């Protein structure tokens, strides 16, 4: 299972949700959803915008975690 690391990476850089939204041109509602549900789905264009805004590769936005059983 993949978990999104958007929140952690933004916080490491001192970037708030609203600033990330402006920097990435991704709606604040989407940013909030990614912060609150890091296991939810997201489209690749959104990940690309966020990665560019944070100065990371798209692969840095995800981590593999064991499936819950």
C-alpha atoms as a PDB file:
ATOM      1  CA  UNK A   1       0.000   0.000   0.000  1.00  0.00           C
ATOM      2  CA  UNK A   2       1.262   3.502  -0.743  1.00  0.00           C
ATOM      3  CA  UNK A   3       1.054   6.391   1.696  1.00  0.00           C
ATOM      4  CA  UNK A   4       1.439   9.993   0.589  1.00  0.00           C
ATOM      5  CA  UNK A   5       4.068  12.076   2.405  1.00  0.00           C
ATOM      6  CA  UNK A   6       2.822  15.506   1.304  1.00  0.00           C
ATOM      7  CA  UNK A   7       2.171  16.711   4.847  1.00  0.00           C
ATOM      8  CA  UNK A   8       5.542  15.610   6.207  1.00  0.00           C
ATOM      9  CA  UNK A   9       7.539  17.092   3.334  1.00  0.00           C
ATOM     10  CA  UNK A  10       5.675  20.397   3.455  1.00  0.00           C
ATOM     11  CA  UNK A  11       6.090  20.673   7.226  1.00  0.00           C
ATOM     12  CA  UNK A  12       9.833  19.913   6.961  1.00  0.00           C
ATOM     13  CA  UNK A  13      10.086  22.914   4.647  1.00  0.00           C
ATOM     14  CA  UNK A  14       7.902  25.156   6.809  1.00  0.00           C
ATOM     15  CA  UNK A  15       5.207  25.366   4.132  1.00  0.00           C
ATOM     16  CA  UNK A  16       1.597  25.694   5.282  1.00  0.00           C
ATOM     17  CA  UNK A  17      -1.346  24.099   3.519  1.00  0.00           C
ATOM     18  CA  UNK A  18      -2.465  27.408   2.053  1.00  0.00           C
ATOM     19  CA  UNK A  19       1.034  28.272   0.845  1.00  0.00           C
ATOM     20  CA  UNK A  20       1.430  24.834  -0.729  1.00  0.00           C
ATOM     21  CA  UNK A  21      -1.905  25.315  -2.451  1.00  0.00           C
ATOM     22  CA  UNK A  22      -0.753  28.625  -3.934  1.00  0.00           C
ATOM     23  CA  UNK A  23       2.719  27.342  -4.850  1.00  0.00           C
ATOM     24  CA  UNK A  24       1.396  24.228  -6.570  1.00  0.00           C
ATOM     25  CA  UNK A  25      -1.817  25.673  -8.033  1.00  0.00           C
ATOM     26  CA  UNK A  26      -3.709  22.803  -6.384  1.00  0.00           C
ATOM     27  CA  UNK A  27      -7.006  23.691  -4.712  1.00  0.00           C
ATOM     28  CA  UNK A  28      -6.805  24.034  -0.918  1.00  0.00           C
ATOM     29  CA  UNK A  29      -9.536  21.407  -0.507  1.00  0.00           C
ATOM     30  CA  UNK A  30      -7.349  18.865  -2.296  1.00  0.00           C
ATOM     31  CA  UNK A  31      -4.328  19.763  -0.157  1.00  0.00           C
ATOM     32  CA  UNK A  32      -6.419  19.365   3.009  1.00  0.00           C
ATOM     33  CA  UNK A  33      -7.715  15.999   1.808  1.00  0.00           C
ATOM     34  CA  UNK A  34      -4.154  14.772   1.171  1.00  0.00           C
ATOM     35  CA  UNK A  35      -3.062  15.946   4.633  1.00  0.00           C
ATOM     36  CA  UNK A  36      -6.017  14.258   6.348  1.00  0.00           C
ATOM     37  CA  UNK A  37      -6.077  11.052   4.298  1.00  0.00           C
ATOM     38  CA  UNK A  38      -2.587  10.126   3.099  1.00  0.00           C
ATOM     39  CA  UNK A  39      -3.919   6.789   1.821  1.00  0.00           C
ATOM     40  CA  UNK A  40      -6.490   8.341  -0.518  1.00  0.00           C
ATOM     41  CA  UNK A  41      -6.243   8.466  -4.273  1.00  0.00           C
ATOM     42  CA  UNK A  42      -4.747  11.363  -6.161  1.00  0.00           C
ATOM     43  CA  UNK A  43      -4.081  11.947  -9.832  1.00  0.00           C
ATOM     44  CA  UNK A  44      -0.564  12.085 -11.230  1.00  0.00           C
ATOM     45  CA  UNK A  45      -0.879  15.687 -12.439  1.00  0.00           C
ATOM     46  CA  UNK A  46      -1.664  16.796  -8.884  1.00  0.00           C
ATOM     47  CA  UNK A  47       1.347  14.875  -7.555  1.00  0.00           C
ATOM     48  CA  UNK A  48       3.524  16.448 -10.233  1.00  0.00           C
ATOM     49  CA  UNK A  49       2.428  19.969  -9.261  1.00  0.00           C
ATOM     50  CA  UNK A  50       3.004  19.320  -5.565  1.00  0.00           C
ATOM     51  CA  UNK A  51       6.403  17.714  -6.175  1.00  0.00           C
ATOM     52  CA  UNK A  52       7.505  20.692  -8.257  1.00  0.00           C
ATOM     53  CA  UNK A  53       6.339  23.138  -5.574  1.00  0.00           C
ATOM     54  CA  UNK A  54       8.201  21.214  -2.855  1.00  0.00           C
ATOM     55  CA  UNK A  55      11.313  20.704  -4.974  1.00  0.00           C
ATOM     56  CA  UNK A  56      11.182  16.904  -4.790  1.00  0.00           C
ATOM     57  CA  UNK A  57      10.644  13.994  -7.153  1.00  0.00           C
ATOM     58  CA  UNK A  58       7.177  12.476  -7.384  1.00  0.00           C
ATOM     59  CA  UNK A  59       8.596   9.275  -5.903  1.00  0.00           C
ATOM     60  CA  UNK A  60       9.581  11.232  -2.766  1.00  0.00           C
ATOM     61  CA  UNK A  61       5.895  11.978  -2.146  1.00  0.00           C
ATOM     62  CA  UNK A  62       5.091   8.314  -1.511  1.00  0.00           C
ATOM     63  CA  UNK A  63       6.221   5.520   0.750  1.00  0.00           C
ATOM     64  CA  UNK A  64       5.324   1.859   0.739  1.00  0.00           C
ATOM     65  CA  UNK A  65       3.718   0.639   3.960  1.00  0.00           C
ATOM     66  CA  UNK A  66       2.468  -2.843   4.851  1.00  0.00           C
ATOM     67  CA  UNK A  67      -1.169  -3.577   4.013  1.00  0.00           C
ATOM     68  CA  UNK A  68      -3.461  -3.622   7.039  1.00  0.00           C
ATOM     69  CA  UNK A  69      -5.139  -6.986   7.547  1.00  0.00           C
END
